[in-house]
Amino acid sequence: MLETQVQLGLKAKLFRSLGDPSRLLVLECLKKGARCVSEIVAATGLSQPNASGHLACLRACGLVEREPVGRYAYYRLAGPHVAQILAEAEGLLQAVGALVEECPRYTEDETTEEGAKR
């Protein structure tokens, strides 16, 4: 049975949330355990405002959770399913990574998030 437009739209929205290299970097950082923003900044090299913005996006999508501890807030992956999708992506890239790298339709410097030419 084909997926409905709503289901496809939600799936596309999920993949857009995973489609930003900085957000993926934050998720990879959180695979190692819960961290506060300053630890994420130190581990990723992102600026504090940039990291906070990506964390807000990932939290809004349900991919990370936030837990206040004293003066700090610690972020962690929202569950094993998030780490699993990252692992599955790595496995898929082992199979098709060369083709993805050569794909002329999506390049970091020439397209927007939606794939349209700038």
N, C-alpha and C. Protein backbone atom coordinates (compact mmCIF):
# COMPACT_ATOMS: atom_id res chain seq x y z
N MET A 1 0.84 -1.18 0.00
CA MET A 1 0.00 0.00 0.00
C MET A 1 0.89 1.25 0.00
N LEU A 2 0.57 2.18 -0.86
CA LEU A 2 1.33 3.42 -0.93
C LEU A 2 1.06 4.29 0.28
N GLU A 3 2.09 5.03 0.69
CA GLU A 3 1.92 5.93 1.82
C GLU A 3 1.05 7.12 1.42
N THR A 4 0.36 7.66 2.39
CA THR A 4 -0.46 8.83 2.11
C THR A 4 0.43 10.05 1.98
N GLN A 5 -0.11 11.10 1.40
CA GLN A 5 0.62 12.36 1.26
C GLN A 5 1.06 12.88 2.63
N VAL A 6 0.22 12.74 3.64
CA VAL A 6 0.55 13.21 4.98
C VAL A 6 1.75 12.43 5.52
N GLN A 7 1.74 11.11 5.37
CA GLN A 7 2.85 10.30 5.85
C GLN A 7 4.14 10.64 5.11
N LEU A 8 4.05 10.82 3.81
CA LEU A 8 5.23 11.19 3.03
C LEU A 8 5.74 12.57 3.43
N GLY A 9 4.82 13.48 3.67
CA GLY A 9 5.21 14.83 4.10
C GLY A 9 5.93 14.81 5.43
N LEU A 10 5.44 14.00 6.36
CA LEU A 10 6.10 13.89 7.67
C LEU A 10 7.48 13.25 7.54
N LYS A 11 7.57 12.24 6.69
CA LYS A 11 8.87 11.59 6.49
C LYS A 11 9.86 12.57 5.87
N ALA A 12 9.41 13.35 4.90
CA ALA A 12 10.27 14.35 4.28
C ALA A 12 10.71 15.41 5.30
N LYS A 13 9.80 15.80 6.18
CA LYS A 13 10.13 16.77 7.22
C LYS A 13 11.19 16.21 8.17
N LEU A 14 11.06 14.94 8.53
CA LEU A 14 12.05 14.29 9.37
C LEU A 14 13.41 14.30 8.70
N PHE A 15 13.46 13.93 7.42
CA PHE A 15 14.73 13.90 6.71
C PHE A 15 15.31 15.30 6.54
N ARG A 16 14.48 16.32 6.41
CA ARG A 16 14.99 17.70 6.37
C ARG A 16 15.65 18.04 7.70
N SER A 17 15.05 17.59 8.82
CA SER A 17 15.65 17.88 10.13
C SER A 17 17.00 17.19 10.26
N LEU A 18 17.18 16.07 9.59
CA LEU A 18 18.45 15.34 9.61
C LEU A 18 19.38 15.79 8.48
N GLY A 19 18.90 16.66 7.61
CA GLY A 19 19.64 17.03 6.41
C GLY A 19 20.65 18.14 6.58
N ASP A 20 20.82 18.65 7.78
CA ASP A 20 21.77 19.73 8.00
C ASP A 20 23.04 19.16 8.64
N PRO A 21 24.21 19.42 8.06
CA PRO A 21 25.44 18.86 8.62
C PRO A 21 25.68 19.26 10.08
N SER A 22 25.33 20.47 10.46
CA SER A 22 25.53 20.88 11.85
C SER A 22 24.61 20.11 12.80
N ARG A 23 23.38 19.88 12.38
CA ARG A 23 22.48 19.09 13.23
C ARG A 23 22.97 17.65 13.36
N LEU A 24 23.48 17.10 12.26
CA LEU A 24 24.04 15.75 12.33
C LEU A 24 25.26 15.72 13.25
N LEU A 25 26.06 16.76 13.21
CA LEU A 25 27.23 16.85 14.08
C LEU A 25 26.80 16.85 15.55
N VAL A 26 25.74 17.60 15.86
CA VAL A 26 25.22 17.64 17.22
C VAL A 26 24.71 16.26 17.63
N LEU A 27 23.97 15.60 16.75
CA LEU A 27 23.46 14.26 17.06
C LEU A 27 24.60 13.27 17.28
N GLU A 28 25.63 13.34 16.44
CA GLU A 28 26.78 12.45 16.60
C GLU A 28 27.45 12.70 17.95
N CYS A 29 27.54 13.95 18.35
CA CYS A 29 28.12 14.31 19.64
C CYS A 29 27.30 13.70 20.78
N LEU A 30 25.99 13.75 20.64
CA LEU A 30 25.11 13.25 21.70
C LEU A 30 25.03 11.73 21.75
N LYS A 31 25.52 11.06 20.71
CA LYS A 31 25.57 9.59 20.75
C LYS A 31 26.47 9.12 21.89
N LYS A 32 27.40 9.98 22.30
CA LYS A 32 28.34 9.62 23.37
C LYS A 32 27.77 9.88 24.75
N GLY A 33 26.55 10.44 24.81
CA GLY A 33 25.92 10.69 26.11
C GLY A 33 25.43 12.12 26.23
N ALA A 34 24.72 12.37 27.32
CA ALA A 34 24.14 13.69 27.56
C ALA A 34 25.24 14.74 27.74
N ARG A 35 24.97 15.93 27.20
CA ARG A 35 25.92 17.03 27.30
C ARG A 35 25.18 18.35 27.41
N CYS A 36 25.81 19.31 28.08
CA CYS A 36 25.25 20.66 28.13
C CYS A 36 25.72 21.41 26.88
N VAL A 37 25.14 22.58 26.63
CA VAL A 37 25.45 23.32 25.41
C VAL A 37 26.93 23.65 25.32
N SER A 38 27.54 24.06 26.43
CA SER A 38 28.97 24.41 26.37
C SER A 38 29.83 23.20 25.99
N GLU A 39 29.46 22.02 26.42
CA GLU A 39 30.18 20.81 26.03
C GLU A 39 29.96 20.49 24.55
N ILE A 40 28.75 20.71 24.07
CA ILE A 40 28.46 20.49 22.65
C ILE A 40 29.24 21.47 21.80
N VAL A 41 29.29 22.72 22.24
CA VAL A 41 30.06 23.75 21.52
C VAL A 41 31.53 23.35 21.45
N ALA A 42 32.09 22.92 22.59
CA ALA A 42 33.50 22.53 22.63
C ALA A 42 33.77 21.31 21.74
N ALA A 43 32.86 20.37 21.72
CA ALA A 43 33.05 19.13 20.96
C ALA A 43 32.85 19.32 19.46
N THR A 44 31.97 20.25 19.07
CA THR A 44 31.62 20.40 17.66
C THR A 44 32.29 21.58 16.96
N GLY A 45 32.69 22.58 17.74
CA GLY A 45 33.24 23.79 17.13
C GLY A 45 32.17 24.76 16.66
N LEU A 46 30.91 24.45 16.89
CA LEU A 46 29.83 25.36 16.54
C LEU A 46 29.81 26.51 17.54
N SER A 47 29.28 27.65 17.12
CA SER A 47 29.11 28.75 18.07
C SER A 47 27.96 28.40 19.02
N GLN A 48 27.94 29.05 20.16
CA GLN A 48 26.88 28.76 21.13
C GLN A 48 25.50 29.07 20.57
N PRO A 49 25.29 30.24 19.92
CA PRO A 49 23.96 30.49 19.35
C PRO A 49 23.58 29.48 18.27
N ASN A 50 24.54 29.09 17.45
CA ASN A 50 24.29 28.12 16.38
C ASN A 50 23.91 26.77 16.97
N ALA A 51 24.70 26.30 17.94
CA ALA A 51 24.40 25.02 18.58
C ALA A 51 23.04 25.05 19.25
N SER A 52 22.74 26.14 19.95
CA SER A 52 21.44 26.26 20.63
C SER A 52 20.29 26.23 19.63
N GLY A 53 20.45 26.89 18.50
CA GLY A 53 19.41 26.88 17.47
C GLY A 53 19.17 25.48 16.91
N HIS A 54 20.26 24.76 16.65
CA HIS A 54 20.11 23.40 16.14
C HIS A 54 19.50 22.48 17.19
N LEU A 55 19.88 22.66 18.44
CA LEU A 55 19.29 21.87 19.52
C LEU A 55 17.79 22.14 19.63
N ALA A 56 17.39 23.40 19.47
CA ALA A 56 15.97 23.74 19.52
C ALA A 56 15.20 23.04 18.41
N CYS A 57 15.79 23.01 17.21
CA CYS A 57 15.16 22.33 16.08
C CYS A 57 15.05 20.83 16.35
N LEU A 58 16.14 20.24 16.79
CA LEU A 58 16.14 18.79 17.06
C LEU A 58 15.19 18.43 18.19
N ARG A 59 15.09 19.30 19.16
CA ARG A 59 14.15 19.06 20.27
C ARG A 59 12.71 19.19 19.79
N ALA A 60 12.43 20.20 18.97
CA ALA A 60 11.07 20.39 18.45
C ALA A 60 10.63 19.20 17.60
N CYS A 61 11.57 18.56 16.94
CA CYS A 61 11.27 17.39 16.11
C CYS A 61 11.24 16.10 16.92
N GLY A 62 11.56 16.18 18.20
CA GLY A 62 11.53 14.98 19.04
C GLY A 62 12.75 14.10 18.92
N LEU A 63 13.85 14.63 18.38
CA LEU A 63 15.05 13.83 18.21
C LEU A 63 16.00 13.93 19.41
N VAL A 64 15.90 15.02 20.17
CA VAL A 64 16.68 15.16 21.40
C VAL A 64 15.75 15.57 22.53
N GLU A 65 16.19 15.27 23.74
CA GLU A 65 15.46 15.66 24.94
C GLU A 65 16.36 16.56 25.77
N ARG A 66 15.73 17.41 26.55
CA ARG A 66 16.45 18.37 27.40
C ARG A 66 16.09 18.11 28.85
N GLU A 67 17.11 18.06 29.70
CA GLU A 67 16.88 17.85 31.13
C GLU A 67 17.62 18.93 31.92
N PRO A 68 16.87 19.80 32.62
CA PRO A 68 17.54 20.80 33.45
C PRO A 68 18.19 20.14 34.67
N VAL A 69 19.43 20.52 34.92
CA VAL A 69 20.16 20.03 36.10
C VAL A 69 20.86 21.25 36.70
N GLY A 70 20.30 21.77 37.78
CA GLY A 70 20.86 22.98 38.38
C GLY A 70 20.77 24.14 37.41
N ARG A 71 21.89 24.80 37.19
CA ARG A 71 21.92 25.95 36.28
C ARG A 71 22.07 25.55 34.82
N TYR A 72 22.26 24.30 34.57
CA TYR A 72 22.52 23.82 33.21
C TYR A 72 21.35 22.99 32.68
N ALA A 73 21.34 22.86 31.37
CA ALA A 73 20.40 21.94 30.72
C ALA A 73 21.24 20.94 29.94
N TYR A 74 20.94 19.68 30.12
CA TYR A 74 21.65 18.62 29.42
C TYR A 74 20.76 18.05 28.34
N TYR A 75 21.37 17.84 27.19
CA TYR A 75 20.66 17.29 26.04
C TYR A 75 21.15 15.88 25.79
N ARG A 76 20.22 15.04 25.34
CA ARG A 76 20.56 13.66 25.00
C ARG A 76 19.65 13.23 23.84
N LEU A 77 20.06 12.16 23.17
CA LEU A 77 19.21 11.61 22.11
C LEU A 77 17.89 11.17 22.73
N ALA A 78 16.82 11.33 21.99
CA ALA A 78 15.48 11.06 22.51
C ALA A 78 15.20 9.57 22.69
N GLY A 79 16.07 8.72 22.27
CA GLY A 79 15.87 7.28 22.44
C GLY A 79 16.78 6.52 21.51
N PRO A 80 16.80 5.22 21.67
CA PRO A 80 17.70 4.39 20.84
C PRO A 80 17.36 4.46 19.36
N HIS A 81 16.13 4.82 19.02
CA HIS A 81 15.75 4.89 17.61
C HIS A 81 16.52 6.00 16.88
N VAL A 82 16.92 7.04 17.59
CA VAL A 82 17.68 8.12 16.96
C VAL A 82 19.09 7.62 16.63
N ALA A 83 19.73 6.97 17.57
CA ALA A 83 21.06 6.39 17.31
C ALA A 83 20.96 5.33 16.21
N GLN A 84 19.86 4.61 16.19
CA GLN A 84 19.68 3.56 15.19
C GLN A 84 19.59 4.14 13.78
N ILE A 85 18.87 5.26 13.62
CA ILE A 85 18.76 5.83 12.27
C ILE A 85 20.11 6.37 11.81
N LEU A 86 20.91 6.90 12.75
CA LEU A 86 22.26 7.35 12.39
C LEU A 86 23.13 6.17 11.97
N ALA A 87 23.02 5.06 12.69
CA ALA A 87 23.78 3.86 12.34
C ALA A 87 23.33 3.29 11.00
N GLU A 88 22.02 3.30 10.76
CA GLU A 88 21.50 2.80 9.48
C GLU A 88 22.00 3.67 8.33
N ALA A 89 22.07 4.98 8.55
CA ALA A 89 22.58 5.89 7.52
C ALA A 89 24.04 5.56 7.21
N GLU A 90 24.83 5.27 8.25
CA GLU A 90 26.22 4.89 8.04
C GLU A 90 26.31 3.61 7.22
N GLY A 91 25.46 2.64 7.53
CA GLY A 91 25.44 1.40 6.77
C GLY A 91 25.05 1.62 5.32
N LEU A 92 24.05 2.43 5.12
CA LEU A 92 23.62 2.73 3.76
C LEU A 92 24.72 3.44 2.98
N LEU A 93 25.43 4.36 3.65
CA LEU A 93 26.51 5.06 2.97
C LEU A 93 27.67 4.13 2.61
N GLN A 94 27.86 3.08 3.37
CA GLN A 94 28.88 2.11 3.00
C GLN A 94 28.53 1.45 1.67
N ALA A 95 27.24 1.29 1.44
CA ALA A 95 26.78 0.65 0.21
C ALA A 95 26.72 1.62 -0.97
N VAL A 96 26.28 2.84 -0.73
CA VAL A 96 26.03 3.76 -1.85
C VAL A 96 26.75 5.10 -1.72
N GLY A 97 27.66 5.20 -0.77
CA GLY A 97 28.33 6.48 -0.48
C GLY A 97 29.01 7.11 -1.68
N ALA A 98 29.66 6.31 -2.51
CA ALA A 98 30.34 6.86 -3.68
C ALA A 98 29.35 7.50 -4.64
N LEU A 99 28.20 6.87 -4.81
CA LEU A 99 27.18 7.44 -5.68
C LEU A 99 26.58 8.72 -5.09
N VAL A 100 26.37 8.72 -3.78
CA VAL A 100 25.85 9.92 -3.13
C VAL A 100 26.84 11.06 -3.30
N GLU A 101 28.11 10.77 -3.10
CA GLU A 101 29.15 11.80 -3.23
C GLU A 101 29.19 12.39 -4.63
N GLU A 102 28.95 11.57 -5.63
CA GLU A 102 29.00 12.01 -7.03
C GLU A 102 27.69 12.62 -7.53
N CYS A 103 26.63 12.53 -6.74
CA CYS A 103 25.33 13.02 -7.18
C CYS A 103 25.39 14.50 -7.53
N PRO A 104 25.06 14.84 -8.78
CA PRO A 104 25.14 16.25 -9.20
C PRO A 104 23.94 17.09 -8.76
N ARG A 105 22.92 16.48 -8.22
CA ARG A 105 21.69 17.20 -7.90
C ARG A 105 21.76 17.95 -6.59
N TYR A 106 22.59 17.50 -5.66
CA TYR A 106 22.67 18.14 -4.35
C TYR A 106 24.11 18.38 -3.99
N THR A 107 24.50 19.63 -4.01
CA THR A 107 25.83 20.00 -3.55
C THR A 107 25.68 21.04 -2.48
N GLU A 108 26.52 20.97 -1.49
CA GLU A 108 26.45 21.84 -0.32
C GLU A 108 26.48 23.31 -0.70
N ASP A 109 27.31 23.68 -1.67
CA ASP A 109 27.51 25.08 -1.98
C ASP A 109 26.60 25.62 -3.08
N GLU A 110 25.87 24.78 -3.78
CA GLU A 110 25.08 25.24 -4.91
C GLU A 110 23.57 25.16 -4.72
N THR A 111 23.10 24.50 -3.68
CA THR A 111 21.66 24.32 -3.53
C THR A 111 21.19 24.73 -2.15
N THR A 112 19.92 25.04 -2.07
CA THR A 112 19.30 25.31 -0.78
C THR A 112 18.90 23.98 -0.16
N GLU A 113 18.33 24.03 1.04
CA GLU A 113 17.91 22.81 1.71
C GLU A 113 16.89 22.03 0.88
N GLU A 114 16.09 22.73 0.09
CA GLU A 114 15.06 22.07 -0.71
C GLU A 114 15.61 21.58 -2.05
N GLY A 115 16.89 21.85 -2.33
CA GLY A 115 17.48 21.36 -3.57
C GLY A 115 17.37 22.31 -4.74
N ALA A 116 16.82 23.51 -4.53
CA ALA A 116 16.70 24.48 -5.60
C ALA A 116 18.01 25.24 -5.77
N LYS A 117 18.32 25.61 -6.99
CA LYS A 117 19.52 26.39 -7.25
C LYS A 117 19.38 27.74 -6.57
N ARG A 118 20.51 28.22 -6.01
CA ARG A 118 20.52 29.55 -5.37
C ARG A 118 20.62 30.62 -6.41
